């Protein structure tokens, strides 16, 4: 009777550990997804900075050339 009880308790503990492991895995996946989302947002930001900066530089060069041609 006692060994059956111990075996049942061991099964309960193993099932609880499996649930804990699954929850840890889900948290790890959620953290990874959040990190990827932040990285994508960061990449998008710097991409916009690059294109806006390039556009501004082109406008400055064109304005400079216009002033030279205008005399």
PDB file of N, CA and C in Angstrom:
ATOM      1  N   UNK A   1       0.831  -1.191   0.000  1.00  0.00           N
ATOM      2  CA  UNK A   1       0.000   0.000   0.000  1.00  0.00           C
ATOM      3  C   UNK A   1       0.873   1.251   0.000  1.00  0.00           C
ATOM      4  N   UNK A   2       1.893   1.223   0.827  1.00  0.00           N
ATOM      5  CA  UNK A   2       2.787   2.373   0.931  1.00  0.00           C
ATOM      6  C   UNK A   2       3.557   2.581  -0.363  1.00  0.00           C
ATOM      7  N   UNK A   3       4.036   1.509  -0.979  1.00  0.00           N
ATOM      8  CA  UNK A   3       4.806   1.636  -2.215  1.00  0.00           C
ATOM      9  C   UNK A   3       3.915   2.136  -3.358  1.00  0.00           C
ATOM     10  N   UNK A   4       2.632   1.734  -3.338  1.00  0.00           N
ATOM     11  CA  UNK A   4       1.699   2.225  -4.355  1.00  0.00           C
ATOM     12  C   UNK A   4       1.485   3.728  -4.186  1.00  0.00           C
ATOM     13  N   UNK A   5       1.353   4.153  -2.943  1.00  0.00           N
ATOM     14  CA  UNK A   5       1.199   5.578  -2.651  1.00  0.00           C
ATOM     15  C   UNK A   5       2.446   6.354  -3.104  1.00  0.00           C
ATOM     16  N   UNK A   6       3.620   5.804  -2.825  1.00  0.00           N
ATOM     17  CA  UNK A   6       4.865   6.461  -3.233  1.00  0.00           C
ATOM     18  C   UNK A   6       4.960   6.547  -4.757  1.00  0.00           C
ATOM     19  N   UNK A   7       4.522   5.485  -5.440  1.00  0.00           N
ATOM     20  CA  UNK A   7       4.556   5.485  -6.898  1.00  0.00           C
ATOM     21  C   UNK A   7       3.595   6.532  -7.453  1.00  0.00           C
ATOM     22  N   UNK A   8       2.403   6.631  -6.861  1.00  0.00           N
ATOM     23  CA  UNK A   8       1.436   7.644  -7.295  1.00  0.00           C
ATOM     24  C   UNK A   8       1.978   9.057  -7.064  1.00  0.00           C
ATOM     25  N   UNK A   9       2.617   9.251  -5.933  1.00  0.00           N
ATOM     26  CA  UNK A   9       3.183  10.571  -5.630  1.00  0.00           C
ATOM     27  C   UNK A   9       4.310  10.904  -6.614  1.00  0.00           C
ATOM     28  N   UNK A  10       5.089   9.896  -6.963  1.00  0.00           N
ATOM     29  CA  UNK A  10       6.156  10.117  -7.928  1.00  0.00           C
ATOM     30  C   UNK A  10       5.572  10.517  -9.285  1.00  0.00           C
ATOM     31  N   UNK A  11       4.474   9.887  -9.690  1.00  0.00           N
ATOM     32  CA  UNK A  11       3.817  10.255 -10.946  1.00  0.00           C
ATOM     33  C   UNK A  11       3.280  11.682 -10.897  1.00  0.00           C
ATOM     34  N   UNK A  12       2.694  12.053  -9.752  1.00  0.00           N
ATOM     35  CA  UNK A  12       2.177  13.420  -9.591  1.00  0.00           C
ATOM     36  C   UNK A  12       3.320  14.426  -9.685  1.00  0.00           C
ATOM     37  N   UNK A  13       4.430  14.118  -9.034  1.00  0.00           N
ATOM     38  CA  UNK A  13       5.589  15.022  -9.066  1.00  0.00           C
ATOM     39  C   UNK A  13       6.145  15.129 -10.483  1.00  0.00           C
ATOM     40  N   UNK A  14       6.224  14.012 -11.191  1.00  0.00           N
ATOM     41  CA  UNK A  14       6.726  14.037 -12.561  1.00  0.00           C
ATOM     42  C   UNK A  14       5.806  14.851 -13.468  1.00  0.00           C
ATOM     43  N   UNK A  15       4.496  14.694 -13.290  1.00  0.00           N
ATOM     44  CA  UNK A  15       3.543  15.461 -14.102  1.00  0.00           C
ATOM     45  C   UNK A  15       3.667  16.954 -13.807  1.00  0.00           C
ATOM     46  N   UNK A  16       3.832  17.301 -12.540  1.00  0.00           N
ATOM     47  CA  UNK A  16       4.001  18.706 -12.167  1.00  0.00           C
ATOM     48  C   UNK A  16       5.284  19.265 -12.769  1.00  0.00           C
ATOM     49  N   UNK A  17       6.351  18.473 -12.743  1.00  0.00           N
ATOM     50  CA  UNK A  17       7.619  18.918 -13.321  1.00  0.00           C
ATOM     51  C   UNK A  17       7.487  19.119 -14.828  1.00  0.00           C
ATOM     52  N   UNK A  18       6.735  18.233 -15.486  1.00  0.00           N
ATOM     53  CA  UNK A  18       6.496  18.391 -16.924  1.00  0.00           C
ATOM     54  C   UNK A  18       5.752  19.687 -17.210  1.00  0.00           C
ATOM     55  N   UNK A  19       4.763  20.020 -16.399  1.00  0.00           N
ATOM     56  CA  UNK A  19       4.012  21.268 -16.580  1.00  0.00           C
ATOM     57  C   UNK A  19       4.925  22.471 -16.364  1.00  0.00           C
ATOM     58  N   UNK A  20       5.762  22.400 -15.356  1.00  0.00           N
ATOM     59  CA  UNK A  20       6.705  23.494 -15.083  1.00  0.00           C
ATOM     60  C   UNK A  20       7.666  23.659 -16.256  1.00  0.00           C
ATOM     61  N   UNK A  21       8.177  22.538 -16.763  1.00  0.00           N
ATOM     62  CA  UNK A  21       9.093  22.601 -17.906  1.00  0.00           C
ATOM     63  C   UNK A  21       8.405  23.204 -19.125  1.00  0.00           C
ATOM     64  N   UNK A  22       7.147  22.825 -19.361  1.00  0.00           N
ATOM     65  CA  UNK A  22       6.389  23.364 -20.495  1.00  0.00           C
ATOM     66  C   UNK A  22       6.174  24.867 -20.332  1.00  0.00           C
ATOM     67  N   UNK A  23       5.864  25.306 -19.108  1.00  0.00           N
ATOM     68  CA  UNK A  23       5.677  26.740 -18.864  1.00  0.00           C
ATOM     69  C   UNK A  23       6.984  27.504 -19.068  1.00  0.00           C
ATOM     70  N   UNK A  24       8.091  26.945 -18.625  1.00  0.00           N
ATOM     71  CA  UNK A  24       9.391  27.595 -18.842  1.00  0.00           C
ATOM     72  C   UNK A  24       9.689  27.712 -20.334  1.00  0.00           C
ATOM     73  N   UNK A  25       9.372  26.670 -21.072  1.00  0.00           N
ATOM     74  CA  UNK A  25       9.583  26.684 -22.514  1.00  0.00           C
ATOM     75  C   UNK A  25       8.731  27.771 -23.177  1.00  0.00           C
ATOM     76  N   UNK A  26       7.468  27.879 -22.751  1.00  0.00           N
ATOM     77  CA  UNK A  26       6.574  28.899 -23.315  1.00  0.00           C
ATOM     78  C   UNK A  26       7.084  30.306 -23.002  1.00  0.00           C
ATOM     79  N   UNK A  27       7.584  30.508 -21.788  1.00  0.00           N
ATOM     80  CA  UNK A  27       8.140  31.809 -21.415  1.00  0.00           C
ATOM     81  C   UNK A  27       9.381  32.111 -22.264  1.00  0.00           C
ATOM     82  N   UNK A  28      10.206  31.096 -22.471  1.00  0.00           N
ATOM     83  CA  UNK A  28      11.412  31.269 -23.289  1.00  0.00           C
ATOM     84  C   UNK A  28      11.022  31.656 -24.712  1.00  0.00           C
ATOM     85  N   UNK A  29      10.004  30.990 -25.266  1.00  0.00           N
ATOM     86  CA  UNK A  29       9.543  31.334 -26.615  1.00  0.00           C
ATOM     87  C   UNK A  29       8.993  32.755 -26.668  1.00  0.00           C
ATOM     88  N   UNK A  30       8.234  33.143 -25.657  1.00  0.00           N
ATOM     89  CA  UNK A  30       7.669  34.494 -25.617  1.00  0.00           C
ATOM     90  C   UNK A  30       8.780  35.535 -25.513  1.00  0.00           C
ATOM     91  N   UNK A  31       9.784  35.273 -24.705  1.00  0.00           N
ATOM     92  CA  UNK A  31      10.906  36.204 -24.572  1.00  0.00           C
ATOM     93  C   UNK A  31      11.668  36.331 -25.887  1.00  0.00           C
ATOM     94  N   UNK A  32      11.856  35.211 -26.563  1.00  0.00           N
ATOM     95  CA  UNK A  32      12.563  35.231 -27.843  1.00  0.00           C
ATOM     96  C   UNK A  32      11.768  36.025 -28.880  1.00  0.00           C
ATOM     97  N   UNK A  33      10.461  35.823 -28.914  1.00  0.00           N
ATOM     98  CA  UNK A  33       9.614  36.561 -29.852  1.00  0.00           C
ATOM     99  C   UNK A  33       9.659  38.062 -29.562  1.00  0.00           C
ATOM    100  N   UNK A  34       9.633  38.426 -28.292  1.00  0.00           N
ATOM    101  CA  UNK A  34       9.710  39.833 -27.909  1.00  0.00           C
ATOM    102  C   UNK A  34      11.058  40.434 -28.314  1.00  0.00           C
ATOM    103  N   UNK A  35      12.126  39.679 -28.112  1.00  0.00           N
ATOM    104  CA  UNK A  35      13.463  40.156 -28.487  1.00  0.00           C
ATOM    105  C   UNK A  35      13.552  40.351 -30.003  1.00  0.00           C
ATOM    106  N   UNK A  36      12.988  39.423 -30.770  1.00  0.00           N
ATOM    107  CA  UNK A  36      12.996  39.552 -32.221  1.00  0.00           C
ATOM    108  C   UNK A  36      12.169  40.758 -32.667  1.00  0.00           C
ATOM    109  N   UNK A  37      11.043  40.986 -32.012  1.00  0.00           N
ATOM    110  CA  UNK A  37      10.200  42.136 -32.339  1.00  0.00           C
ATOM    111  C   UNK A  37      10.959  43.437 -32.086  1.00  0.00           C
ATOM    112  N   UNK A  38      11.659  43.509 -30.949  1.00  0.00           N
ATOM    113  CA  UNK A  38      12.442  44.707 -30.641  1.00  0.00           C
ATOM    114  C   UNK A  38      13.568  44.902 -31.648  1.00  0.00           C
ATOM    115  N   UNK A  39      14.231  43.814 -32.033  1.00  0.00           N
ATOM    116  CA  UNK A  39      15.318  43.911 -33.011  1.00  0.00           C
ATOM    117  C   UNK A  39      14.776  44.376 -34.356  1.00  0.00           C
ATOM    118  N   UNK A  40      13.611  43.859 -34.768  1.00  0.00           N
ATOM    119  CA  UNK A  40      13.007  44.286 -36.027  1.00  0.00           C
ATOM    120  C   UNK A  40      12.668  45.771 -35.986  1.00  0.00           C
ATOM    121  N   UNK A  41      12.126  46.227 -34.855  1.00  0.00           N
ATOM    122  CA  UNK A  41      11.801  47.647 -34.714  1.00  0.00           C
ATOM    123  C   UNK A  41      13.068  48.491 -34.767  1.00  0.00           C
ATOM    124  N   UNK A  42      14.126  48.029 -34.136  1.00  0.00           N
ATOM    125  CA  UNK A  42      15.396  48.745 -34.150  1.00  0.00           C
ATOM    126  C   UNK A  42      15.965  48.805 -35.570  1.00  0.00           C
ATOM    127  N   UNK A  43      15.921  47.681 -36.273  1.00  0.00           N
ATOM    128  CA  UNK A  43      16.415  47.647 -37.650  1.00  0.00           C
ATOM    129  C   UNK A  43      15.602  48.594 -38.540  1.00  0.00           C
ATOM    130  N   UNK A  44      14.295  48.601 -38.342  1.00  0.00           N
ATOM    131  CA  UNK A  44      13.426  49.477 -39.129  1.00  0.00           C
ATOM    132  C   UNK A  44      13.762  50.942 -38.850  1.00  0.00           C
ATOM    133  N   UNK A  45      13.994  51.277 -37.592  1.00  0.00           N
ATOM    134  CA  UNK A  45      14.336  52.651 -37.217  1.00  0.00           C
ATOM    135  C   UNK A  45      15.618  53.099 -37.915  1.00  0.00           C
ATOM    136  N   UNK A  46      16.670  52.275 -37.832  1.00  0.00           N
ATOM    137  CA  UNK A  46      17.945  52.664 -38.428  1.00  0.00           C
ATOM    138  C   UNK A  46      17.873  52.677 -39.948  1.00  0.00           C
ATOM    139  N   UNK A  47      17.030  51.857 -40.509  1.00  0.00           N
ATOM    140  CA  UNK A  47      16.821  51.887 -41.950  1.00  0.00           C
ATOM    141  C   UNK A  47      16.211  53.226 -42.360  1.00  0.00           C
ATOM    142  N   UNK A  48      15.205  53.682 -41.612  1.00  0.00           N
ATOM    143  CA  UNK A  48      14.599  54.976 -41.896  1.00  0.00           C
ATOM    144  C   UNK A  48      15.601  56.108 -41.708  1.00  0.00           C
ATOM    145  N   UNK A  49      16.402  56.035 -40.656  1.00  0.00           N
ATOM    146  CA  UNK A  49      17.428  57.063 -40.419  1.00  0.00           C
ATOM    147  C   UNK A  49      18.382  57.123 -41.604  1.00  0.00           C
ATOM    148  N   UNK A  50      18.801  55.978 -42.096  1.00  0.00           N
ATOM    149  CA  UNK A  50      19.727  55.927 -43.224  1.00  0.00           C
ATOM    150  C   UNK A  50      19.106  56.566 -44.468  1.00  0.00           C
ATOM    151  N   UNK A  51      17.869  56.181 -44.799  1.00  0.00           N
ATOM    152  CA  UNK A  51      17.255  56.704 -46.015  1.00  0.00           C
ATOM    153  C   UNK A  51      16.945  58.190 -45.909  1.00  0.00           C
ATOM    154  N   UNK A  52      16.490  58.655 -44.758  1.00  0.00           N
ATOM    155  CA  UNK A  52      16.231  60.079 -44.575  1.00  0.00           C
ATOM    156  C   UNK A  52      17.543  60.860 -44.639  1.00  0.00           C
ATOM    157  N   UNK A  53      18.591  60.323 -43.999  1.00  0.00           N
ATOM    158  CA  UNK A  53      19.895  60.977 -44.046  1.00  0.00           C
ATOM    159  C   UNK A  53      20.445  61.045 -45.454  1.00  0.00           C
ATOM    160  N   UNK A  54      20.294  59.958 -46.200  1.00  0.00           N
ATOM    161  CA  UNK A  54      20.759  59.942 -47.585  1.00  0.00           C
ATOM    162  C   UNK A  54      19.984  60.958 -48.422  1.00  0.00           C
ATOM    163  N   UNK A  55      18.680  61.005 -48.218  1.00  0.00           N
ATOM    164  CA  UNK A  55      17.861  61.988 -48.948  1.00  0.00           C
ATOM    165  C   UNK A  55      18.268  63.410 -48.617  1.00  0.00           C
ATOM    166  N   UNK A  56      18.521  63.697 -47.355  1.00  0.00           N
ATOM    167  CA  UNK A  56      18.944  65.041 -46.954  1.00  0.00           C
ATOM    168  C   UNK A  56      20.291  65.379 -47.584  1.00  0.00           C
ATOM    169  N   UNK A  57      21.197  64.432 -47.609  1.00  0.00           N
ATOM    170  CA  UNK A  57      22.510  64.663 -48.207  1.00  0.00           C
ATOM    171  C   UNK A  57      22.389  64.957 -49.698  1.00  0.00           C
ATOM    172  N   UNK A  58      21.526  64.225 -50.385  1.00  0.00           N
ATOM    173  CA  UNK A  58      21.301  64.472 -51.815  1.00  0.00           C
ATOM    174  C   UNK A  58      20.753  65.876 -52.019  1.00  0.00           C
ATOM    175  N   UNK A  59      19.804  66.298 -51.199  1.00  0.00           N
ATOM    176  CA  UNK A  59      19.247  67.644 -51.329  1.00  0.00           C
ATOM    177  C   UNK A  59      20.302  68.713 -51.079  1.00  0.00           C
ATOM    178  N   UNK A  60      21.159  68.491 -50.107  1.00  0.00           N
ATOM    179  CA  UNK A  60      22.233  69.461 -49.826  1.00  0.00           C
ATOM    180  C   UNK A  60      23.178  69.566 -51.011  1.00  0.00           C
ATOM    181  N   UNK A  61      23.560  68.429 -51.589  1.00  0.00           N
ATOM    182  CA  UNK A  61      24.459  68.433 -52.754  1.00  0.00           C
ATOM    183  C   UNK A  61      23.786  69.129 -53.931  1.00  0.00           C
ATOM    184  N   UNK A  62      22.505  68.853 -54.150  1.00  0.00           N
ATOM    185  CA  UNK A  62      21.799  69.515 -55.254  1.00  0.00           C
ATOM    186  C   UNK A  62      21.711  71.016 -55.032  1.00  0.00           C
ATOM    187  N   UNK A  63      21.442  71.437 -53.803  1.00  0.00           N
ATOM    188  CA  UNK A  63      21.381  72.866 -53.499  1.00  0.00           C
ATOM    189  C   UNK A  63      22.750  73.508 -53.720  1.00  0.00           C
ATOM    190  N   UNK A  64      23.800  72.829 -53.311  1.00  0.00           N
ATOM    191  CA  UNK A  64      25.159  73.334 -53.509  1.00  0.00           C
ATOM    192  C   UNK A  64      25.468  73.466 -55.000  1.00  0.00           C
ATOM    193  N   UNK A  65      25.127  72.456 -55.794  1.00  0.00           N
ATOM    194  CA  UNK A  65      25.363  72.506 -57.234  1.00  0.00           C
ATOM    195  C   UNK A  65      24.544  73.616 -57.876  1.00  0.00           C
ATOM    196  N   UNK A  66      23.316  73.791 -57.406  1.00  0.00           N
ATOM    197  CA  UNK A  66      22.454  74.865 -57.941  1.00  0.00           C
ATOM    198  C   UNK A  66      23.091  76.222 -57.683  1.00  0.00           C
ATOM    199  N   UNK A  67      23.634  76.415 -56.471  1.00  0.00           N
ATOM    200  CA  UNK A  67      24.287  77.690 -56.144  1.00  0.00           C
ATOM    201  C   UNK A  67      25.516  77.910 -57.025  1.00  0.00           C
ATOM    202  N   UNK A  68      26.244  76.860 -57.306  1.00  0.00           N
ATOM    203  CA  UNK A  68      27.430  76.979 -58.164  1.00  0.00           C
ATOM    204  C   UNK A  68      27.011  77.346 -59.582  1.00  0.00           C
ATOM    205  N   UNK A  69      25.997  76.661 -60.110  1.00  0.00           N
ATOM    206  CA  UNK A  69      25.554  76.923 -61.471  1.00  0.00           C
ATOM    207  C   UNK A  69      24.926  78.313 -61.611  1.00  0.00           C
ATOM    208  N   UNK A  70      24.238  78.720 -60.547  1.00  0.00           N
ATOM    209  CA  UNK A  70      23.575  80.013 -60.553  1.00  0.00           C
ATOM    210  C   UNK A  70      24.620  81.126 -60.597  1.00  0.00           C
ATOM    211  N   UNK A  71      25.729  80.893 -59.925  1.00  0.00           N
ATOM    212  CA  UNK A  71      26.843  81.825 -59.944  1.00  0.00           C
ATOM    213  C   UNK A  71      26.703  82.801 -58.882  1.00  0.00           C
TER     214      UNK A  71
END
